[in-house]
Amino acid sequence: MLGYEVTAGNVHDSVAFDPLYDQVAARFPEIKTVVMDKAYKTPWICVCSCHQVLRYRITNREGYRGYKSDPKICADCPTLQKRTQSKNCVKVVVRHVWEGYLDRAEAFRRTPEGKASYARRKETIERVFADAKEKHGLRYTHMRGLTRVTAWVGFKFAAMNLKKLACWGWKDYVAFVFALIDALFLLLPQKARNGFN
């Protein structure tokens, strides 16, 4: 467990990603590949199956570009009812300005290296989540408030890291002690970490 971010239940996974990534990348700058589930791919893509050009119209304040079809062409489309419920026969597609980055991530996922990384996800990341839920009581929280839940989750993850280190054995005692200190230090709140610097 390299890091965690606790949010309220109504916060989407993608919102918590940035602070979590910054936290982990600051400690492990050598990270080259990040494997995630589909919840983190938030902007969506829609394509006209009749291969008509959807012209750019406007970018809204949330960073989404709007593309609209030509109603003269779409009015005669045999699949219009499947494509849009618009009364003026206009198909609207919304695409985020950063959609190109998602396209690059999707393209990487289809490469041999991306497939190999994603295949390991079920053996590593999902295993940690499963153990946390089934063996360490992280399916539900019995605390109230983000501060208490964050501390509670931190202790649970510290216990999981200690258990993993203990399973690796005591071959090199000094390396074990430093890894133990590093694992505990990682799980301290940021304010406590600043006191050590």
N, C-alpha and C. Protein backbone atom coordinates (compact mmCIF):
# COMPACT_ATOMS: atom_id res chain seq x y z
N MET A 1 0.86 -1.16 0.00
CA MET A 1 0.00 0.00 0.00
C MET A 1 0.90 1.22 0.00
N LEU A 2 0.94 1.92 -1.11
CA LEU A 2 1.85 3.06 -1.25
C LEU A 2 1.22 4.38 -0.86
N GLY A 3 -0.11 4.46 -0.85
CA GLY A 3 -0.78 5.68 -0.48
C GLY A 3 -2.28 5.47 -0.53
N TYR A 4 -3.02 6.44 0.01
CA TYR A 4 -4.47 6.34 -0.01
C TYR A 4 -5.06 7.73 0.10
N GLU A 5 -6.30 7.85 -0.33
CA GLU A 5 -7.05 9.11 -0.24
C GLU A 5 -8.47 8.77 0.19
N VAL A 6 -8.89 9.29 1.32
CA VAL A 6 -10.23 9.02 1.84
C VAL A 6 -11.15 10.16 1.43
N THR A 7 -12.29 9.80 0.84
CA THR A 7 -13.28 10.82 0.43
C THR A 7 -14.65 10.41 0.92
N ALA A 8 -15.57 11.33 0.84
CA ALA A 8 -16.96 11.01 1.18
C ALA A 8 -17.51 10.01 0.17
N GLY A 9 -18.57 9.30 0.53
CA GLY A 9 -19.12 8.27 -0.32
C GLY A 9 -19.66 8.77 -1.64
N ASN A 10 -20.05 10.05 -1.71
CA ASN A 10 -20.63 10.56 -2.94
C ASN A 10 -19.59 11.19 -3.87
N VAL A 11 -18.31 11.03 -3.57
CA VAL A 11 -17.25 11.59 -4.42
C VAL A 11 -16.78 10.51 -5.39
N HIS A 12 -16.76 10.85 -6.68
CA HIS A 12 -16.36 9.89 -7.72
C HIS A 12 -14.88 9.55 -7.59
N ASP A 13 -14.52 8.31 -7.96
CA ASP A 13 -13.12 7.87 -7.88
C ASP A 13 -12.17 8.81 -8.60
N SER A 14 -12.58 9.31 -9.75
CA SER A 14 -11.70 10.14 -10.56
C SER A 14 -11.33 11.44 -9.86
N VAL A 15 -12.18 11.92 -8.94
CA VAL A 15 -11.89 13.15 -8.20
C VAL A 15 -10.75 12.92 -7.22
N ALA A 16 -10.70 11.73 -6.64
CA ALA A 16 -9.67 11.42 -5.65
C ALA A 16 -8.34 11.04 -6.30
N PHE A 17 -8.33 10.84 -7.60
CA PHE A 17 -7.11 10.35 -8.25
C PHE A 17 -5.95 11.33 -8.18
N ASP A 18 -6.19 12.62 -8.48
CA ASP A 18 -5.09 13.58 -8.55
C ASP A 18 -4.30 13.69 -7.26
N PRO A 19 -4.95 13.92 -6.10
CA PRO A 19 -4.15 13.99 -4.87
C PRO A 19 -3.44 12.68 -4.55
N LEU A 20 -4.06 11.55 -4.85
CA LEU A 20 -3.42 10.26 -4.58
C LEU A 20 -2.21 10.07 -5.47
N TYR A 21 -2.35 10.38 -6.76
CA TYR A 21 -1.23 10.24 -7.68
C TYR A 21 -0.08 11.15 -7.27
N ASP A 22 -0.39 12.40 -6.91
CA ASP A 22 0.66 13.33 -6.48
C ASP A 22 1.39 12.81 -5.26
N GLN A 23 0.64 12.23 -4.33
CA GLN A 23 1.22 11.69 -3.11
C GLN A 23 2.19 10.54 -3.41
N VAL A 24 1.76 9.62 -4.26
CA VAL A 24 2.59 8.44 -4.57
C VAL A 24 3.76 8.83 -5.47
N ALA A 25 3.51 9.67 -6.49
CA ALA A 25 4.57 10.05 -7.42
C ALA A 25 5.66 10.87 -6.73
N ALA A 26 5.30 11.62 -5.69
CA ALA A 26 6.31 12.39 -4.97
C ALA A 26 7.29 11.47 -4.25
N ARG A 27 6.79 10.34 -3.76
CA ARG A 27 7.67 9.40 -3.04
C ARG A 27 8.35 8.40 -3.97
N PHE A 28 7.72 8.13 -5.10
CA PHE A 28 8.27 7.14 -6.04
C PHE A 28 8.30 7.74 -7.44
N PRO A 29 9.24 8.66 -7.72
CA PRO A 29 9.26 9.33 -9.03
C PRO A 29 9.61 8.41 -10.20
N GLU A 30 10.09 7.20 -9.90
CA GLU A 30 10.47 6.28 -10.98
C GLU A 30 9.27 5.55 -11.58
N ILE A 31 8.05 5.80 -11.10
CA ILE A 31 6.86 5.15 -11.63
C ILE A 31 6.67 5.55 -13.09
N LYS A 32 6.52 4.55 -13.96
CA LYS A 32 6.34 4.80 -15.39
C LYS A 32 4.95 4.43 -15.87
N THR A 33 4.30 3.47 -15.20
CA THR A 33 3.01 2.98 -15.66
C THR A 33 2.03 2.98 -14.49
N VAL A 34 0.82 3.44 -14.75
CA VAL A 34 -0.26 3.42 -13.76
C VAL A 34 -1.42 2.65 -14.37
N VAL A 35 -1.87 1.61 -13.68
CA VAL A 35 -2.98 0.79 -14.17
C VAL A 35 -4.18 1.05 -13.28
N MET A 36 -5.32 1.38 -13.91
CA MET A 36 -6.53 1.73 -13.16
C MET A 36 -7.73 1.01 -13.76
N ASP A 37 -8.84 1.05 -13.03
CA ASP A 37 -10.07 0.50 -13.60
C ASP A 37 -10.82 1.59 -14.36
N LYS A 38 -11.93 1.22 -14.93
CA LYS A 38 -12.63 2.11 -15.86
C LYS A 38 -13.24 3.34 -15.19
N ALA A 39 -13.39 3.31 -13.88
CA ALA A 39 -13.98 4.46 -13.18
C ALA A 39 -13.16 5.73 -13.36
N TYR A 40 -11.88 5.57 -13.68
CA TYR A 40 -11.01 6.73 -13.82
C TYR A 40 -11.03 7.30 -15.24
N LYS A 41 -11.73 6.67 -16.14
CA LYS A 41 -11.83 7.19 -17.51
C LYS A 41 -13.14 7.95 -17.61
N THR A 42 -13.12 9.21 -17.25
CA THR A 42 -14.37 9.94 -17.09
C THR A 42 -14.94 10.57 -18.35
N PRO A 43 -14.21 11.34 -19.15
CA PRO A 43 -14.85 11.87 -20.36
C PRO A 43 -15.21 10.75 -21.32
N TRP A 44 -16.29 10.92 -22.02
CA TRP A 44 -16.75 9.84 -22.91
C TRP A 44 -16.68 10.26 -24.37
N ILE A 45 -16.74 9.23 -25.27
CA ILE A 45 -16.66 9.47 -26.71
C ILE A 45 -17.91 8.87 -27.36
N CYS A 46 -18.54 9.62 -28.20
CA CYS A 46 -19.66 9.12 -29.01
C CYS A 46 -19.33 9.34 -30.48
N VAL A 47 -19.63 8.37 -31.33
CA VAL A 47 -19.30 8.46 -32.75
C VAL A 47 -20.55 8.21 -33.57
N CYS A 48 -20.72 8.97 -34.61
CA CYS A 48 -21.86 8.77 -35.53
C CYS A 48 -21.59 7.53 -36.38
N SER A 49 -22.51 6.56 -36.31
CA SER A 49 -22.31 5.32 -37.07
C SER A 49 -22.51 5.51 -38.56
N CYS A 50 -23.12 6.62 -38.97
CA CYS A 50 -23.32 6.89 -40.39
C CYS A 50 -22.15 7.68 -40.98
N HIS A 51 -21.12 7.90 -40.19
CA HIS A 51 -19.88 8.55 -40.63
C HIS A 51 -20.10 9.98 -41.13
N GLN A 52 -21.03 10.68 -40.50
CA GLN A 52 -21.23 12.09 -40.83
C GLN A 52 -20.35 12.96 -39.94
N VAL A 53 -19.90 14.06 -40.48
CA VAL A 53 -19.04 14.97 -39.73
C VAL A 53 -19.87 15.74 -38.73
N LEU A 54 -19.40 15.76 -37.48
CA LEU A 54 -20.03 16.57 -36.45
C LEU A 54 -19.15 17.79 -36.26
N ARG A 55 -19.66 18.94 -36.60
CA ARG A 55 -18.87 20.18 -36.58
C ARG A 55 -18.75 20.74 -35.17
N TYR A 56 -17.57 21.29 -34.88
CA TYR A 56 -17.33 21.94 -33.58
C TYR A 56 -18.20 23.18 -33.46
N ARG A 57 -18.83 23.36 -32.29
CA ARG A 57 -19.68 24.52 -32.06
C ARG A 57 -19.15 25.42 -30.95
N ILE A 58 -18.89 24.87 -29.75
CA ILE A 58 -18.52 25.71 -28.61
C ILE A 58 -17.84 24.86 -27.53
N THR A 59 -17.01 25.50 -26.72
CA THR A 59 -16.44 24.87 -25.53
C THR A 59 -17.09 25.51 -24.31
N ASN A 60 -17.66 24.68 -23.43
CA ASN A 60 -18.33 25.24 -22.26
C ASN A 60 -17.34 25.50 -21.12
N ARG A 61 -17.83 26.04 -20.03
CA ARG A 61 -16.95 26.43 -18.92
C ARG A 61 -16.34 25.25 -18.20
N GLU A 62 -16.94 24.09 -18.31
CA GLU A 62 -16.39 22.89 -17.67
C GLU A 62 -15.31 22.23 -18.51
N GLY A 63 -15.01 22.78 -19.68
CA GLY A 63 -13.94 22.24 -20.52
C GLY A 63 -14.39 21.21 -21.53
N TYR A 64 -15.68 21.15 -21.83
CA TYR A 64 -16.19 20.20 -22.81
C TYR A 64 -16.46 20.90 -24.13
N ARG A 65 -15.98 20.30 -25.20
CA ARG A 65 -16.25 20.82 -26.54
C ARG A 65 -17.52 20.19 -27.07
N GLY A 66 -18.37 21.01 -27.66
CA GLY A 66 -19.62 20.51 -28.22
C GLY A 66 -19.52 20.37 -29.73
N TYR A 67 -19.95 19.23 -30.24
CA TYR A 67 -19.98 18.97 -31.68
C TYR A 67 -21.42 18.64 -32.07
N LYS A 68 -21.89 19.24 -33.16
CA LYS A 68 -23.28 19.02 -33.58
C LYS A 68 -23.32 18.56 -35.04
N SER A 69 -24.32 17.73 -35.32
CA SER A 69 -24.51 17.25 -36.69
C SER A 69 -25.33 18.25 -37.48
N ASP A 70 -25.36 18.05 -38.78
CA ASP A 70 -26.16 18.88 -39.67
C ASP A 70 -27.59 18.32 -39.67
N PRO A 71 -28.58 19.09 -39.21
CA PRO A 71 -29.95 18.54 -39.13
C PRO A 71 -30.53 18.16 -40.49
N LYS A 72 -30.03 18.77 -41.56
CA LYS A 72 -30.53 18.42 -42.89
C LYS A 72 -30.14 16.99 -43.27
N ILE A 73 -28.95 16.59 -42.87
CA ILE A 73 -28.48 15.22 -43.16
C ILE A 73 -29.14 14.22 -42.21
N CYS A 74 -29.18 14.58 -40.92
CA CYS A 74 -29.70 13.65 -39.92
C CYS A 74 -31.22 13.43 -40.04
N ALA A 75 -31.93 14.38 -40.61
CA ALA A 75 -33.39 14.24 -40.74
C ALA A 75 -33.76 13.01 -41.56
N ASP A 76 -32.92 12.63 -42.54
CA ASP A 76 -33.19 11.47 -43.40
C ASP A 76 -32.48 10.20 -42.93
N CYS A 77 -31.83 10.24 -41.78
CA CYS A 77 -31.07 9.08 -41.28
C CYS A 77 -32.03 7.99 -40.83
N PRO A 78 -31.84 6.74 -41.31
CA PRO A 78 -32.76 5.66 -40.91
C PRO A 78 -32.60 5.25 -39.44
N THR A 79 -31.47 5.56 -38.84
CA THR A 79 -31.25 5.18 -37.44
C THR A 79 -31.32 6.39 -36.50
N LEU A 80 -32.01 7.44 -36.93
CA LEU A 80 -32.07 8.68 -36.15
C LEU A 80 -32.62 8.45 -34.74
N GLN A 81 -33.65 7.62 -34.61
CA GLN A 81 -34.27 7.41 -33.29
C GLN A 81 -33.33 6.72 -32.31
N LYS A 82 -32.39 5.94 -32.84
CA LYS A 82 -31.40 5.29 -31.97
C LYS A 82 -30.28 6.26 -31.58
N ARG A 83 -30.06 7.26 -32.38
CA ARG A 83 -28.93 8.18 -32.18
C ARG A 83 -29.27 9.38 -31.30
N THR A 84 -30.49 9.91 -31.45
CA THR A 84 -30.85 11.11 -30.68
C THR A 84 -32.36 11.19 -30.53
N GLN A 85 -32.79 11.78 -29.44
CA GLN A 85 -34.22 12.04 -29.21
C GLN A 85 -34.55 13.50 -29.51
N SER A 86 -33.59 14.22 -30.08
CA SER A 86 -33.76 15.64 -30.37
C SER A 86 -34.88 15.87 -31.38
N LYS A 87 -35.73 16.86 -31.09
CA LYS A 87 -36.84 17.17 -32.00
C LYS A 87 -36.37 17.87 -33.26
N ASN A 88 -35.21 18.56 -33.17
CA ASN A 88 -34.71 19.24 -34.37
C ASN A 88 -33.69 18.39 -35.14
N CYS A 89 -33.63 17.08 -34.85
CA CYS A 89 -32.79 16.11 -35.59
C CYS A 89 -31.30 16.46 -35.52
N VAL A 90 -30.84 16.89 -34.37
CA VAL A 90 -29.42 17.23 -34.21
C VAL A 90 -28.79 16.27 -33.21
N LYS A 91 -27.71 15.65 -33.65
CA LYS A 91 -26.93 14.79 -32.76
C LYS A 91 -25.85 15.65 -32.12
N VAL A 92 -25.76 15.66 -30.80
CA VAL A 92 -24.76 16.45 -30.07
C VAL A 92 -23.79 15.50 -29.39
N VAL A 93 -22.51 15.73 -29.61
CA VAL A 93 -21.46 14.95 -28.96
C VAL A 93 -20.62 15.91 -28.13
N VAL A 94 -20.36 15.50 -26.89
CA VAL A 94 -19.57 16.32 -25.99
C VAL A 94 -18.26 15.59 -25.73
N ARG A 95 -17.16 16.29 -25.91
CA ARG A 95 -15.83 15.69 -25.74
C ARG A 95 -14.96 16.64 -24.94
N HIS A 96 -14.34 16.13 -23.90
CA HIS A 96 -13.53 16.97 -23.02
C HIS A 96 -12.26 17.42 -23.74
N VAL A 97 -11.75 18.59 -23.36
CA VAL A 97 -10.54 19.12 -24.02
C VAL A 97 -9.34 18.22 -23.76
N TRP A 98 -9.37 17.42 -22.71
CA TRP A 98 -8.26 16.52 -22.40
C TRP A 98 -8.50 15.10 -22.90
N GLU A 99 -9.51 14.94 -23.73
CA GLU A 99 -9.85 13.60 -24.21
C GLU A 99 -8.69 12.91 -24.92
N GLY A 100 -7.83 13.70 -25.56
CA GLY A 100 -6.68 13.12 -26.25
C GLY A 100 -5.79 12.32 -25.32
N TYR A 101 -5.66 12.76 -24.08
CA TYR A 101 -4.86 12.01 -23.11
C TYR A 101 -5.49 10.67 -22.78
N LEU A 102 -6.83 10.65 -22.71
CA LEU A 102 -7.51 9.38 -22.48
C LEU A 102 -7.34 8.45 -23.68
N ASP A 103 -7.34 9.02 -24.87
CA ASP A 103 -7.11 8.22 -26.07
C ASP A 103 -5.72 7.58 -26.02
N ARG A 104 -4.73 8.37 -25.57
CA ARG A 104 -3.36 7.83 -25.46
C ARG A 104 -3.30 6.72 -24.42
N ALA A 105 -4.00 6.91 -23.29
CA ALA A 105 -4.03 5.87 -22.25
C ALA A 105 -4.68 4.60 -22.77
N GLU A 106 -5.76 4.76 -23.53
CA GLU A 106 -6.47 3.61 -24.10
C GLU A 106 -5.59 2.90 -25.13
N ALA A 107 -4.86 3.68 -25.93
CA ALA A 107 -3.96 3.08 -26.93
C ALA A 107 -2.85 2.31 -26.24
N PHE A 108 -2.31 2.86 -25.14
CA PHE A 108 -1.26 2.15 -24.40
C PHE A 108 -1.79 0.84 -23.82
N ARG A 109 -3.02 0.85 -23.35
CA ARG A 109 -3.60 -0.36 -22.76
C ARG A 109 -3.66 -1.51 -23.75
N ARG A 110 -3.70 -1.19 -25.05
CA ARG A 110 -3.79 -2.22 -26.08
C ARG A 110 -2.42 -2.69 -26.57
N THR A 111 -1.35 -2.06 -26.12
CA THR A 111 0.00 -2.50 -26.50
C THR A 111 0.38 -3.73 -25.68
N PRO A 112 1.40 -4.49 -26.09
CA PRO A 112 1.83 -5.64 -25.29
C PRO A 112 2.24 -5.26 -23.86
N GLU A 113 2.93 -4.14 -23.72
CA GLU A 113 3.34 -3.71 -22.38
C GLU A 113 2.13 -3.34 -21.53
N GLY A 114 1.16 -2.65 -22.15
CA GLY A 114 -0.06 -2.28 -21.43
C GLY A 114 -0.87 -3.50 -21.02
N LYS A 115 -0.97 -4.48 -21.91
CA LYS A 115 -1.70 -5.71 -21.59
C LYS A 115 -1.03 -6.47 -20.45
N ALA A 116 0.31 -6.50 -20.47
CA ALA A 116 1.05 -7.19 -19.40
C ALA A 116 0.85 -6.48 -18.06
N SER A 117 0.88 -5.14 -18.08
CA SER A 117 0.66 -4.37 -16.85
C SER A 117 -0.74 -4.59 -16.32
N TYR A 118 -1.73 -4.57 -17.20
CA TYR A 118 -3.11 -4.72 -16.77
C TYR A 118 -3.38 -6.14 -16.27
N ALA A 119 -2.71 -7.11 -16.85
CA ALA A 119 -2.89 -8.50 -16.41
C ALA A 119 -2.40 -8.69 -14.97
N ARG A 120 -1.38 -7.95 -14.57
CA ARG A 120 -0.84 -8.06 -13.20
C ARG A 120 -1.74 -7.37 -12.18
N ARG A 121 -2.67 -6.54 -12.66
CA ARG A 121 -3.53 -5.78 -11.76
C ARG A 121 -4.34 -6.70 -10.85
N LYS A 122 -4.86 -7.78 -11.40
CA LYS A 122 -5.68 -8.68 -10.59
C LYS A 122 -4.86 -9.42 -9.54
N GLU A 123 -3.55 -9.54 -9.78
CA GLU A 123 -2.68 -10.23 -8.82
C GLU A 123 -2.15 -9.29 -7.75
N THR A 124 -2.16 -8.00 -8.01
CA THR A 124 -1.55 -7.05 -7.08
C THR A 124 -2.60 -6.12 -6.47
N ILE A 125 -3.10 -5.19 -7.25
CA ILE A 125 -3.99 -4.16 -6.73
C ILE A 125 -5.30 -4.75 -6.21
N GLU A 126 -5.96 -5.58 -7.02
CA GLU A 126 -7.24 -6.14 -6.61
C GLU A 126 -7.08 -7.05 -5.40
N ARG A 127 -5.94 -7.72 -5.30
CA ARG A 127 -5.67 -8.60 -4.16
C ARG A 127 -5.60 -7.79 -2.87
N VAL A 128 -4.94 -6.63 -2.94
CA VAL A 128 -4.83 -5.76 -1.76
C VAL A 128 -6.21 -5.28 -1.34
N PHE A 129 -7.04 -4.85 -2.31
CA PHE A 129 -8.38 -4.38 -1.98
C PHE A 129 -9.22 -5.52 -1.37
N ALA A 130 -9.10 -6.71 -1.94
CA ALA A 130 -9.87 -7.85 -1.43
C ALA A 130 -9.46 -8.17 0.01
N ASP A 131 -8.14 -8.21 0.27
CA ASP A 131 -7.66 -8.47 1.64
C ASP A 131 -8.13 -7.39 2.60
N ALA A 132 -8.08 -6.14 2.16
CA ALA A 132 -8.50 -5.03 3.02
C ALA A 132 -9.98 -5.17 3.39
N LYS A 133 -10.80 -5.56 2.43
CA LYS A 133 -12.23 -5.67 2.69
C LYS A 133 -12.55 -6.90 3.54
N GLU A 134 -11.98 -8.05 3.17
CA GLU A 134 -12.36 -9.31 3.81
C GLU A 134 -11.64 -9.57 5.13
N LYS A 135 -10.37 -9.21 5.22
CA LYS A 135 -9.57 -9.57 6.40
C LYS A 135 -9.34 -8.42 7.37
N HIS A 136 -9.53 -7.19 6.91
CA HIS A 136 -9.20 -6.04 7.77
C HIS A 136 -10.37 -5.09 7.97
N GLY A 137 -11.58 -5.50 7.61
CA GLY A 137 -12.77 -4.73 7.93
C GLY A 137 -12.94 -3.41 7.20
N LEU A 138 -12.41 -3.31 5.97
CA LEU A 138 -12.53 -2.06 5.24
C LEU A 138 -13.72 -2.05 4.27
N ARG A 139 -14.61 -3.00 4.41
CA ARG A 139 -15.81 -2.98 3.56
C ARG A 139 -16.73 -1.84 4.01
N TYR A 140 -16.80 -1.63 5.32
CA TYR A 140 -17.62 -0.56 5.89
C TYR A 140 -16.78 0.20 6.91
N THR A 141 -17.14 1.44 7.15
CA THR A 141 -16.47 2.21 8.18
C THR A 141 -17.40 2.39 9.37
N HIS A 142 -16.83 2.34 10.56
CA HIS A 142 -17.61 2.53 11.78
C HIS A 142 -17.32 3.89 12.40
N MET A 143 -16.58 4.71 11.67
CA MET A 143 -16.22 6.04 12.15
C MET A 143 -17.06 7.09 11.42
N ARG A 144 -17.07 8.29 11.97
CA ARG A 144 -17.74 9.42 11.33
C ARG A 144 -16.74 10.54 11.16
N GLY A 145 -16.77 11.18 10.00
CA GLY A 145 -15.88 12.29 9.73
C GLY A 145 -14.62 11.84 9.00
N LEU A 146 -14.18 12.67 8.05
CA LEU A 146 -13.01 12.30 7.24
C LEU A 146 -11.75 12.17 8.07
N THR A 147 -11.57 12.98 9.09
CA THR A 147 -10.35 12.92 9.90
C THR A 147 -10.24 11.58 10.60
N ARG A 148 -11.31 11.15 11.24
CA ARG A 148 -11.29 9.86 11.94
C ARG A 148 -11.15 8.69 10.97
N VAL A 149 -11.89 8.75 9.87
CA VAL A 149 -11.82 7.65 8.89
C VAL A 149 -10.42 7.58 8.28
N THR A 150 -9.81 8.74 7.98
CA THR A 150 -8.46 8.75 7.42
C THR A 150 -7.47 8.11 8.38
N ALA A 151 -7.54 8.45 9.65
CA ALA A 151 -6.64 7.85 10.64
C ALA A 151 -6.89 6.35 10.76
N TRP A 152 -8.15 5.95 10.78
CA TRP A 152 -8.51 4.53 10.90
C TRP A 152 -7.99 3.73 9.71
N VAL A 153 -8.19 4.27 8.50
CA VAL A 153 -7.71 3.60 7.29
C VAL A 153 -6.18 3.53 7.30
N GLY A 154 -5.53 4.61 7.74
CA GLY A 154 -4.07 4.62 7.81
C GLY A 154 -3.53 3.51 8.70
N PHE A 155 -4.16 3.30 9.86
CA PHE A 155 -3.73 2.23 10.75
C PHE A 155 -3.96 0.86 10.12
N LYS A 156 -5.07 0.70 9.42
CA LYS A 156 -5.34 -0.58 8.76
C LYS A 156 -4.28 -0.87 7.69
N PHE A 157 -3.95 0.15 6.88
CA PHE A 157 -2.96 -0.06 5.84
C PHE A 157 -1.57 -0.28 6.43
N ALA A 158 -1.27 0.39 7.54
CA ALA A 158 0.01 0.15 8.22
C ALA A 158 0.09 -1.31 8.68
N ALA A 159 -1.01 -1.82 9.22
CA ALA A 159 -1.04 -3.22 9.65
C ALA A 159 -0.84 -4.16 8.46
N MET A 160 -1.47 -3.84 7.33
CA MET A 160 -1.30 -4.67 6.14
C MET A 160 0.14 -4.66 5.66
N ASN A 161 0.77 -3.47 5.67
CA ASN A 161 2.17 -3.38 5.25
C ASN A 161 3.09 -4.15 6.19
N LEU A 162 2.83 -4.04 7.50
CA LEU A 162 3.65 -4.77 8.48
C LEU A 162 3.51 -6.28 8.28
N LYS A 163 2.29 -6.70 8.03
CA LYS A 163 2.05 -8.13 7.80
C LYS A 163 2.82 -8.62 6.58
N LYS A 164 2.80 -7.80 5.52
CA LYS A 164 3.52 -8.18 4.30
C LYS A 164 5.03 -8.24 4.55
N LEU A 165 5.54 -7.24 5.26
CA LEU A 165 6.98 -7.23 5.57
C LEU A 165 7.36 -8.44 6.42
N ALA A 166 6.51 -8.80 7.39
CA ALA A 166 6.80 -9.96 8.23
C ALA A 166 6.80 -11.24 7.41
N CYS A 167 5.92 -11.32 6.44
CA CYS A 167 5.88 -12.51 5.58
C CYS A 167 7.13 -12.63 4.71
N TRP A 168 7.70 -11.52 4.35
CA TRP A 168 8.92 -11.56 3.54
C TRP A 168 10.10 -12.14 4.33
N GLY A 169 9.99 -12.13 5.64
CA GLY A 169 11.03 -12.74 6.46
C GLY A 169 12.05 -11.75 6.98
N TRP A 170 12.96 -12.29 7.75
CA TRP A 170 13.95 -11.49 8.45
C TRP A 170 15.35 -11.71 7.89
N LYS A 171 15.46 -11.92 6.60
CA LYS A 171 16.76 -12.24 5.98
C LYS A 171 17.78 -11.14 6.22
N ASP A 172 17.38 -9.93 5.97
CA ASP A 172 18.29 -8.81 6.18
C ASP A 172 17.65 -7.88 7.22
N TYR A 173 18.05 -8.00 8.46
CA TYR A 173 17.42 -7.30 9.56
C TYR A 173 17.46 -5.78 9.38
N VAL A 174 18.58 -5.23 8.96
CA VAL A 174 18.71 -3.78 8.81
C VAL A 174 17.77 -3.27 7.71
N ALA A 175 17.76 -3.96 6.57
CA ALA A 175 16.87 -3.56 5.48
C ALA A 175 15.41 -3.65 5.92
N PHE A 176 15.11 -4.67 6.71
CA PHE A 176 13.75 -4.84 7.21
C PHE A 176 13.34 -3.67 8.09
N VAL A 177 14.23 -3.26 8.99
CA VAL A 177 13.92 -2.15 9.90
C VAL A 177 13.69 -0.86 9.12
N PHE A 178 14.58 -0.58 8.14
CA PHE A 178 14.40 0.63 7.35
C PHE A 178 13.12 0.58 6.52
N ALA A 179 12.80 -0.58 5.97
CA ALA A 179 11.56 -0.72 5.20
C ALA A 179 10.35 -0.53 6.11
N LEU A 180 10.45 -1.02 7.33
CA LEU A 180 9.38 -0.87 8.30
C LEU A 180 9.17 0.60 8.66
N ILE A 181 10.25 1.30 8.92
CA ILE A 181 10.16 2.74 9.23
C ILE A 181 9.58 3.50 8.05
N ASP A 182 10.03 3.15 6.84
CA ASP A 182 9.55 3.82 5.64
C ASP A 182 8.05 3.57 5.44
N ALA A 183 7.62 2.33 5.69
CA ALA A 183 6.20 1.99 5.53
C ALA A 183 5.34 2.76 6.53
N LEU A 184 5.80 2.87 7.75
CA LEU A 184 5.04 3.60 8.76
C LEU A 184 5.04 5.10 8.47
N PHE A 185 6.18 5.61 8.03
CA PHE A 185 6.30 7.03 7.72
C PHE A 185 5.35 7.42 6.58
N LEU A 186 5.20 6.52 5.61
CA LEU A 186 4.32 6.77 4.47
C LEU A 186 2.88 6.98 4.92
N LEU A 187 2.47 6.28 5.95
CA LEU A 187 1.08 6.32 6.36
C LEU A 187 0.77 7.41 7.38
N LEU A 188 1.79 8.16 7.79
CA LEU A 188 1.53 9.28 8.69
C LEU A 188 0.83 10.40 7.94
N PRO A 189 -0.02 11.15 8.62
CA PRO A 189 -0.61 12.34 7.97
C PRO A 189 0.48 13.33 7.58
N GLN A 190 0.18 14.18 6.60
CA GLN A 190 1.17 15.12 6.07
C GLN A 190 1.71 16.04 7.17
N LYS A 191 0.86 16.49 8.09
CA LYS A 191 1.32 17.38 9.16
C LYS A 191 2.38 16.70 10.02
N ALA A 192 2.16 15.42 10.33
CA ALA A 192 3.12 14.70 11.15
C ALA A 192 4.42 14.49 10.41
N ARG A 193 4.32 14.23 9.08
CA ARG A 193 5.54 14.05 8.28
C ARG A 193 6.37 15.31 8.25
N ASN A 194 5.72 16.47 8.17
CA ASN A 194 6.45 17.72 8.12
C ASN A 194 7.27 17.94 9.38
N GLY A 195 6.84 17.38 10.49
CA GLY A 195 7.58 17.53 11.74
C GLY A 195 8.91 16.81 11.73
N PHE A 196 9.06 15.79 10.87
CA PHE A 196 10.32 15.05 10.80
C PHE A 196 11.35 15.74 9.92
N ASN A 197 10.90 16.65 9.06
CA ASN A 197 11.82 17.31 8.12
C ASN A 197 12.57 18.46 8.77
